[in-house]
PDB file of N, CA and C in Angstrom:
ATOM      1  N   MET A   1     181.999 281.048 119.715  1.00  0.00           N
ATOM      2  CA  MET A   1     180.908 279.866 120.097  1.00  0.00           C
ATOM      3  C   MET A   1     180.763 280.066 121.450  1.00  0.00           C
ATOM      4  N   VAL A   2     179.367 279.971 121.690  1.00  0.00           N
ATOM      5  CA  VAL A   2     179.041 280.435 123.191  1.00  0.00           C
ATOM      6  C   VAL A   2     179.487 279.285 124.111  1.00  0.00           C
ATOM      7  N   SER A   3     179.247 278.348 123.695  1.00  0.00           N
ATOM      8  CA  SER A   3     179.917 276.869 124.650  1.00  0.00           C
ATOM      9  C   SER A   3     180.919 276.390 124.431  1.00  0.00           C
ATOM     10  N   GLU A   4     181.891 277.217 123.735  1.00  0.00           N
ATOM     11  CA  GLU A   4     183.231 276.687 123.721  1.00  0.00           C
ATOM     12  C   GLU A   4     183.994 276.300 125.204  1.00  0.00           C
ATOM     13  N   GLY A   5     184.573 275.461 125.246  1.00  0.00           N
ATOM     14  CA  GLY A   5     185.330 275.050 126.770  1.00  0.00           C
ATOM     15  C   GLY A   5     184.208 274.626 127.756  1.00  0.00           C
ATOM     16  N   LEU A   6     182.927 274.361 127.509  1.00  0.00           N
ATOM     17  CA  LEU A   6     182.095 273.988 128.340  1.00  0.00           C
ATOM     18  C   LEU A   6     181.548 272.420 128.374  1.00  0.00           C
ATOM     19  N   GLU A   7     181.464 271.777 129.202  1.00  0.00           N
ATOM     20  CA  GLU A   7     180.654 270.218 128.875  1.00  0.00           C
ATOM     21  C   GLU A   7     179.239 270.299 128.884  1.00  0.00           C
ATOM     22  N   LYS A   8     178.964 269.668 128.001  1.00  0.00           N
ATOM     23  CA  LYS A   8     177.076 269.490 128.097  1.00  0.00           C
ATOM     24  C   LYS A   8     176.824 268.554 129.246  1.00  0.00           C
ATOM     25  N   LYS A   9     176.197 269.108 130.257  1.00  0.00           N
ATOM     26  CA  LYS A   9     175.980 267.988 131.386  1.00  0.00           C
ATOM     27  C   LYS A   9     174.416 267.896 131.690  1.00  0.00           C
ATOM     28  N   MET A  10     173.499 268.921 131.145  1.00  0.00           N
ATOM     29  CA  MET A  10     172.504 268.745 131.176  1.00  0.00           C
ATOM     30  C   MET A  10     171.422 269.135 129.781  1.00  0.00           C
ATOM     31  N   SER A  11     170.249 268.554 129.235  1.00  0.00           N
ATOM     32  CA  SER A  11     169.680 268.579 127.668  1.00  0.00           C
ATOM     33  C   SER A  11     168.493 269.605 128.439  1.00  0.00           C
ATOM     34  N   LYS A  12     167.821 269.337 129.609  1.00  0.00           N
ATOM     35  CA  LYS A  12     166.610 269.651 129.815  1.00  0.00           C
ATOM     36  C   LYS A  12     166.251 269.984 131.426  1.00  0.00           C
ATOM     37  N   ILE A  13     165.443 271.153 131.492  1.00  0.00           N
ATOM     38  CA  ILE A  13     165.106 271.599 132.770  1.00  0.00           C
ATOM     39  C   ILE A  13     163.531 271.346 133.104  1.00  0.00           C
ATOM     40  N   VAL A  14     163.168 270.564 133.743  1.00  0.00           N
ATOM     41  CA  VAL A  14     161.556 270.446 134.051  1.00  0.00           C
ATOM     42  C   VAL A  14     161.032 271.332 135.261  1.00  0.00           C
ATOM     43  N   ILE A  15     160.378 272.390 135.340  1.00  0.00           N
ATOM     44  CA  ILE A  15     159.834 273.203 136.235  1.00  0.00           C
ATOM     45  C   ILE A  15     158.361 272.991 136.140  1.00  0.00           C
ATOM     46  N   ALA A  16     157.970 273.148 137.250  1.00  0.00           N
ATOM     47  CA  ALA A  16     156.296 273.438 137.553  1.00  0.00           C
ATOM     48  C   ALA A  16     155.556 274.612 136.872  1.00  0.00           C
ATOM     49  N   TYR A  17     156.180 275.752 137.175  1.00  0.00           N
ATOM     50  CA  TYR A  17     156.251 277.311 136.838  1.00  0.00           C
ATOM     51  C   TYR A  17     157.256 277.938 136.511  1.00  0.00           C
ATOM     52  N   PRO A  18     157.202 278.954 135.440  1.00  0.00           N
ATOM     53  CA  PRO A  18     158.122 279.715 135.312  1.00  0.00           C
ATOM     54  C   PRO A  18     158.752 280.434 136.263  1.00  0.00           C
ATOM     55  N   ASP A  19     157.819 281.267 137.168  1.00  0.00           N
ATOM     56  CA  ASP A  19     158.154 281.855 138.410  1.00  0.00           C
ATOM     57  C   ASP A  19     159.377 280.938 139.599  1.00  0.00           C
ATOM     58  N   ARG A  20     159.226 279.641 139.342  1.00  0.00           N
ATOM     59  CA  ARG A  20     159.974 278.524 140.162  1.00  0.00           C
ATOM     60  C   ARG A  20     161.446 278.680 139.842  1.00  0.00           C
ATOM     61  N   LEU A  21     161.663 279.169 138.690  1.00  0.00           N
ATOM     62  CA  LEU A  21     162.983 279.158 138.366  1.00  0.00           C
ATOM     63  C   LEU A  21     163.642 280.671 138.283  1.00  0.00           C
ATOM     64  N   ALA A  22     162.520 281.573 138.095  1.00  0.00           N
ATOM     65  CA  ALA A  22     163.172 283.053 138.130  1.00  0.00           C
ATOM     66  C   ALA A  22     161.930 283.865 138.424  1.00  0.00           C
ATOM     67  N   ARG A  23     161.689 284.656 139.396  1.00  0.00           N
ATOM     68  CA  ARG A  23     160.682 285.498 139.425  1.00  0.00           C
ATOM     69  C   ARG A  23     160.500 286.636 138.499  1.00  0.00           C
ATOM     70  N   PHE A  24     161.341 287.196 137.618  1.00  0.00           N
ATOM     71  CA  PHE A  24     161.300 287.870 136.552  1.00  0.00           C
ATOM     72  C   PHE A  24     162.563 287.655 135.817  1.00  0.00           C
ATOM     73  N   GLY A  25     162.372 287.867 134.317  1.00  0.00           N
ATOM     74  CA  GLY A  25     163.767 287.565 133.470  1.00  0.00           C
ATOM     75  C   GLY A  25     163.495 286.059 132.845  1.00  0.00           C
ATOM     76  N   PHE A  26     162.599 285.557 133.061  1.00  0.00           N
ATOM     77  CA  PHE A  26     162.473 284.002 132.677  1.00  0.00           C
ATOM     78  C   PHE A  26     162.805 284.038 131.074  1.00  0.00           C
ATOM     79  N   LYS A  27     162.181 284.951 130.105  1.00  0.00           N
ATOM     80  CA  LYS A  27     162.421 285.070 128.713  1.00  0.00           C
ATOM     81  C   LYS A  27     164.029 285.125 128.497  1.00  0.00           C
ATOM     82  N   THR A  28     164.694 285.775 129.346  1.00  0.00           N
ATOM     83  CA  THR A  28     166.309 286.055 129.353  1.00  0.00           C
ATOM     84  C   THR A  28     166.981 284.794 129.622  1.00  0.00           C
ATOM     85  N   ILE A  29     166.669 284.121 130.629  1.00  0.00           N
ATOM     86  CA  ILE A  29     167.264 282.793 131.041  1.00  0.00           C
ATOM     87  C   ILE A  29     166.859 281.983 130.078  1.00  0.00           C
ATOM     88  N   GLU A  30     165.839 281.593 129.474  1.00  0.00           N
ATOM     89  CA  GLU A  30     165.516 280.746 128.488  1.00  0.00           C
ATOM     90  C   GLU A  30     166.311 280.808 127.540  1.00  0.00           C
ATOM     91  N   GLU A  31     166.366 282.088 126.973  1.00  0.00           N
ATOM     92  CA  GLU A  31     166.966 282.328 125.572  1.00  0.00           C
ATOM     93  C   GLU A  31     168.574 281.990 126.056  1.00  0.00           C
ATOM     94  N   LEU A  32     169.486 282.111 127.180  1.00  0.00           N
ATOM     95  CA  LEU A  32     170.484 282.004 127.647  1.00  0.00           C
ATOM     96  C   LEU A  32     170.552 280.289 127.294  1.00  0.00           C
ATOM     97  N   LEU A  33     170.078 279.896 128.127  1.00  0.00           N
ATOM     98  CA  LEU A  33     169.984 278.248 127.961  1.00  0.00           C
ATOM     99  C   LEU A  33     169.942 277.548 126.676  1.00  0.00           C
ATOM    100  N   ARG A  34     169.001 278.192 126.121  1.00  0.00           N
ATOM    101  CA  ARG A  34     168.782 277.592 124.884  1.00  0.00           C
ATOM    102  C   ARG A  34     170.161 277.798 123.757  1.00  0.00           C
ATOM    103  N   ALA A  35     170.825 279.034 124.215  1.00  0.00           N
ATOM    104  CA  ALA A  35     171.787 278.959 123.490  1.00  0.00           C
ATOM    105  C   ALA A  35     173.096 278.179 123.884  1.00  0.00           C
ATOM    106  N   PHE A  36     173.081 277.625 125.037  1.00  0.00           N
ATOM    107  CA  PHE A  36     173.774 276.298 125.439  1.00  0.00           C
ATOM    108  C   PHE A  36     173.061 274.895 125.255  1.00  0.00           C
ATOM    109  N   GLY A  37     172.216 275.029 124.414  1.00  0.00           N
ATOM    110  CA  GLY A  37     171.447 273.524 124.140  1.00  0.00           C
ATOM    111  C   GLY A  37     170.665 273.049 125.246  1.00  0.00           C
ATOM    112  N   VAL A  38     170.201 273.841 125.947  1.00  0.00           N
ATOM    113  CA  VAL A  38     169.391 273.186 127.175  1.00  0.00           C
ATOM    114  C   VAL A  38     167.798 273.935 127.038  1.00  0.00           C
ATOM    115  N   GLU A  39     166.741 272.920 127.066  1.00  0.00           N
ATOM    116  CA  GLU A  39     165.437 273.194 126.885  1.00  0.00           C
ATOM    117  C   GLU A  39     164.817 273.512 128.416  1.00  0.00           C
ATOM    118  N   ILE A  40     164.356 274.289 128.472  1.00  0.00           N
ATOM    119  CA  ILE A  40     163.252 274.687 129.650  1.00  0.00           C
ATOM    120  C   ILE A  40     161.767 274.061 129.377  1.00  0.00           C
ATOM    121  N   VAL A  41     161.494 273.137 130.345  1.00  0.00           N
ATOM    122  CA  VAL A  41     160.072 272.233 129.766  1.00  0.00           C
ATOM    123  C   VAL A  41     159.121 272.728 131.232  1.00  0.00           C
ATOM    124  N   VAL A  42     158.078 273.507 130.913  1.00  0.00           N
ATOM    125  CA  VAL A  42     157.120 274.014 131.966  1.00  0.00           C
ATOM    126  C   VAL A  42     156.103 273.309 131.800  1.00  0.00           C
ATOM    127  N   LEU A  43     155.945 272.729 133.246  1.00  0.00           N
ATOM    128  CA  LEU A  43     154.439 271.735 133.243  1.00  0.00           C
ATOM    129  C   LEU A  43     153.386 272.175 133.456  1.00  0.00           C
ATOM    130  N   ASN A  44     152.921 273.607 134.102  1.00  0.00           N
ATOM    131  CA  ASN A  44     151.966 274.372 134.186  1.00  0.00           C
ATOM    132  C   ASN A  44     151.953 275.923 133.467  1.00  0.00           C
ATOM    133  N   HIS A  45     151.625 275.666 132.445  1.00  0.00           N
ATOM    134  CA  HIS A  45     151.281 277.155 131.899  1.00  0.00           C
ATOM    135  C   HIS A  45     149.974 277.732 132.380  1.00  0.00           C
ATOM    136  N   GLU A  46     150.463 278.972 132.931  1.00  0.00           N
ATOM    137  CA  GLU A  46     149.540 279.992 133.139  1.00  0.00           C
ATOM    138  C   GLU A  46     149.259 281.308 132.336  1.00  0.00           C
ATOM    139  N   ASP A  47     148.299 281.008 131.449  1.00  0.00           N
ATOM    140  CA  ASP A  47     148.145 282.213 130.792  1.00  0.00           C
ATOM    141  C   ASP A  47     147.600 283.525 131.347  1.00  0.00           C
ATOM    142  N   GLU A  48     148.600 284.174 131.297  1.00  0.00           N
ATOM    143  CA  GLU A  48     147.996 285.375 132.027  1.00  0.00           C
ATOM    144  C   GLU A  48     148.196 286.949 131.364  1.00  0.00           C
ATOM    145  N   ASP A  49     147.608 287.518 131.519  1.00  0.00           N
ATOM    146  CA  ASP A  49     147.737 288.922 130.893  1.00  0.00           C
ATOM    147  C   ASP A  49     148.933 289.698 131.080  1.00  0.00           C
ATOM    148  N   PRO A  50     149.854 289.951 129.836  1.00  0.00           N
ATOM    149  CA  PRO A  50     150.949 290.803 130.461  1.00  0.00           C
ATOM    150  C   PRO A  50     150.739 291.912 131.301  1.00  0.00           C
ATOM    151  N   ARG A  51     149.885 292.436 131.437  1.00  0.00           N
ATOM    152  CA  ARG A  51     149.664 293.382 132.346  1.00  0.00           C
ATOM    153  C   ARG A  51     149.607 292.868 133.837  1.00  0.00           C
ATOM    154  N   GLU A  52     149.063 291.926 133.932  1.00  0.00           N
ATOM    155  CA  GLU A  52     148.950 291.179 135.389  1.00  0.00           C
ATOM    156  C   GLU A  52     150.303 290.554 135.714  1.00  0.00           C
ATOM    157  N   GLU A  53     150.906 290.387 134.941  1.00  0.00           N
ATOM    158  CA  GLU A  53     152.484 289.808 134.953  1.00  0.00           C
ATOM    159  C   GLU A  53     153.235 290.802 135.647  1.00  0.00           C
ATOM    160  N   LEU A  54     153.117 291.705 134.771  1.00  0.00           N
ATOM    161  CA  LEU A  54     153.930 292.794 135.003  1.00  0.00           C
ATOM    162  C   LEU A  54     153.743 293.633 136.711  1.00  0.00           C
ATOM    163  N   VAL A  55     152.341 293.457 136.952  1.00  0.00           N
ATOM    164  CA  VAL A  55     152.108 293.765 138.000  1.00  0.00           C
ATOM    165  C   VAL A  55     152.273 293.159 139.225  1.00  0.00           C
ATOM    166  N   GLU A  56     152.392 291.578 138.711  1.00  0.00           N
ATOM    167  CA  GLU A  56     152.709 290.544 140.095  1.00  0.00           C
ATOM    168  C   GLU A  56     154.595 290.910 139.943  1.00  0.00           C
ATOM    169  N   ASP A  57     155.504 291.224 139.025  1.00  0.00           N
ATOM    170  CA  ASP A  57     156.694 291.450 139.031  1.00  0.00           C
ATOM    171  C   ASP A  57     157.036 292.795 139.748  1.00  0.00           C
ATOM    172  N   LEU A  58     156.062 294.017 139.697  1.00  0.00           N
ATOM    173  CA  LEU A  58     156.335 295.027 140.449  1.00  0.00           C
ATOM    174  C   LEU A  58     156.115 294.689 142.021  1.00  0.00           C
ATOM    175  N   VAL A  59     155.189 294.104 142.324  1.00  0.00           N
ATOM    176  CA  VAL A  59     155.128 293.777 143.581  1.00  0.00           C
ATOM    177  C   VAL A  59     156.175 292.859 144.076  1.00  0.00           C
ATOM    178  N   THR A  60     156.562 292.190 143.477  1.00  0.00           N
ATOM    179  CA  THR A  60     157.533 291.132 143.546  1.00  0.00           C
ATOM    180  C   THR A  60     158.828 292.062 144.428  1.00  0.00           C
ATOM    181  N   ILE A  61     159.239 293.143 143.520  1.00  0.00           N
ATOM    182  CA  ILE A  61     160.100 293.752 143.460  1.00  0.00           C
ATOM    183  C   ILE A  61     160.158 294.565 145.003  1.00  0.00           C
ATOM    184  N   ILE A  62     159.049 295.498 144.965  1.00  0.00           N
ATOM    185  CA  ILE A  62     158.814 296.212 146.150  1.00  0.00           C
ATOM    186  C   ILE A  62     158.920 295.450 147.359  1.00  0.00           C
ATOM    187  N   SER A  63     158.281 294.241 147.468  1.00  0.00           N
ATOM    188  CA  SER A  63     158.104 293.346 148.315  1.00  0.00           C
ATOM    189  C   SER A  63     159.768 292.932 148.990  1.00  0.00           C
ATOM    190  N   HIS A  64     160.651 293.169 147.883  1.00  0.00           N
ATOM    191  CA  HIS A  64     161.946 292.738 148.404  1.00  0.00           C
ATOM    192  C   HIS A  64     162.755 293.491 148.978  1.00  0.00           C
ATOM    193  N   ILE A  65     162.334 294.776 148.152  1.00  0.00           N
ATOM    194  CA  ILE A  65     162.954 296.122 148.707  1.00  0.00           C
ATOM    195  C   ILE A  65     162.647 296.550 150.213  1.00  0.00           C
ATOM    196  N   ALA A  66     161.154 296.227 150.536  1.00  0.00           N
ATOM    197  CA  ALA A  66     160.599 296.616 151.980  1.00  0.00           C
ATOM    198  C   ALA A  66     161.251 295.393 152.639  1.00  0.00           C
ATOM    199  N   GLY A  67     161.409 294.315 152.381  1.00  0.00           N
ATOM    200  CA  GLY A  67     162.128 293.335 153.293  1.00  0.00           C
ATOM    201  C   GLY A  67     163.578 293.857 153.452  1.00  0.00           C
ATOM    202  N   LYS A  68     164.279 294.352 152.690  1.00  0.00           N
ATOM    203  CA  LYS A  68     165.709 294.483 152.794  1.00  0.00           C
ATOM    204  C   LYS A  68     165.516 295.894 153.550  1.00  0.00           C
ATOM    205  N   LEU A  69     164.769 296.891 153.684  1.00  0.00           N
ATOM    206  CA  LEU A  69     164.861 298.113 154.694  1.00  0.00           C
ATOM    207  C   LEU A  69     164.187 297.695 155.888  1.00  0.00           C
ATOM    208  N   TYR A  70     163.465 296.745 156.146  1.00  0.00           N
ATOM    209  CA  TYR A  70     162.927 296.258 157.387  1.00  0.00           C
ATOM    210  C   TYR A  70     164.046 295.509 158.062  1.00  0.00           C
ATOM    211  N   GLY A  71     164.731 294.661 157.291  1.00  0.00           N
ATOM    212  CA  GLY A  71     166.108 294.332 157.604  1.00  0.00           C
ATOM    213  C   GLY A  71     167.329 294.819 158.211  1.00  0.00           C
ATOM    214  N   MET A  72     167.383 296.257 157.275  1.00  0.00           N
ATOM    215  CA  MET A  72     168.693 297.243 158.175  1.00  0.00           C
ATOM    216  C   MET A  72     168.107 297.820 158.905  1.00  0.00           C
ATOM    217  N   SER A  73     166.355 298.463 159.217  1.00  0.00           N
ATOM    218  CA  SER A  73     165.935 298.981 160.424  1.00  0.00           C
ATOM    219  C   SER A  73     166.278 297.989 161.718  1.00  0.00           C
ATOM    220  N   SER A  74     166.066 296.743 161.723  1.00  0.00           N
ATOM    221  CA  SER A  74     166.063 295.833 162.858  1.00  0.00           C
ATOM    222  C   SER A  74     167.354 295.737 163.002  1.00  0.00           C
ATOM    223  N   HIS A  75     168.541 295.370 162.251  1.00  0.00           N
ATOM    224  CA  HIS A  75     169.854 295.602 162.514  1.00  0.00           C
ATOM    225  C   HIS A  75     170.326 296.773 163.321  1.00  0.00           C
ATOM    226  N   LYS A  76     169.753 297.837 162.959  1.00  0.00           N
ATOM    227  CA  LYS A  76     170.096 299.227 163.714  1.00  0.00           C
ATOM    228  C   LYS A  76     169.686 299.058 165.062  1.00  0.00           C
ATOM    229  N   TYR A  77     168.009 298.563 165.104  1.00  0.00           N
ATOM    230  CA  TYR A  77     167.770 298.308 166.378  1.00  0.00           C
ATOM    231  C   TYR A  77     168.363 297.411 167.683  1.00  0.00           C
ATOM    232  N   GLU A  78     168.913 296.369 166.988  1.00  0.00           N
ATOM    233  CA  GLU A  78     169.728 295.173 167.630  1.00  0.00           C
ATOM    234  C   GLU A  78     170.767 295.994 168.213  1.00  0.00           C
ATOM    235  N   LYS A  79     171.700 296.830 167.397  1.00  0.00           N
ATOM    236  CA  LYS A  79     172.668 297.570 167.971  1.00  0.00           C
ATOM    237  C   LYS A  79     172.443 298.542 169.019  1.00  0.00           C
ATOM    238  N   VAL A  80     171.592 299.153 168.756  1.00  0.00           N
ATOM    239  CA  VAL A  80     171.196 300.205 169.872  1.00  0.00           C
ATOM    240  C   VAL A  80     170.778 299.363 171.269  1.00  0.00           C
ATOM    241  N   VAL A  81     170.152 298.346 171.155  1.00  0.00           N
ATOM    242  CA  VAL A  81     169.759 297.687 172.559  1.00  0.00           C
ATOM    243  C   VAL A  81     171.015 296.635 172.950  1.00  0.00           C
TER     244      VAL A  81
END
């Protein structure tokens, strides 16, 4: 059993938008929590085209990687100075 040995401390999570819980992988998290008996309530559903959602996810991933690369290069700059 998935919840063996765990206390049930919550039954519902209320969020404004799905991306407030996770930028991507929301459906996976939702299924996992459902296995523990936790319901996710989304207050604002924006019906997006699956292609639009995929593009937004890709932009988020690229932005994250670019931020890490920029952060890495700024640390190298600080060491040089």
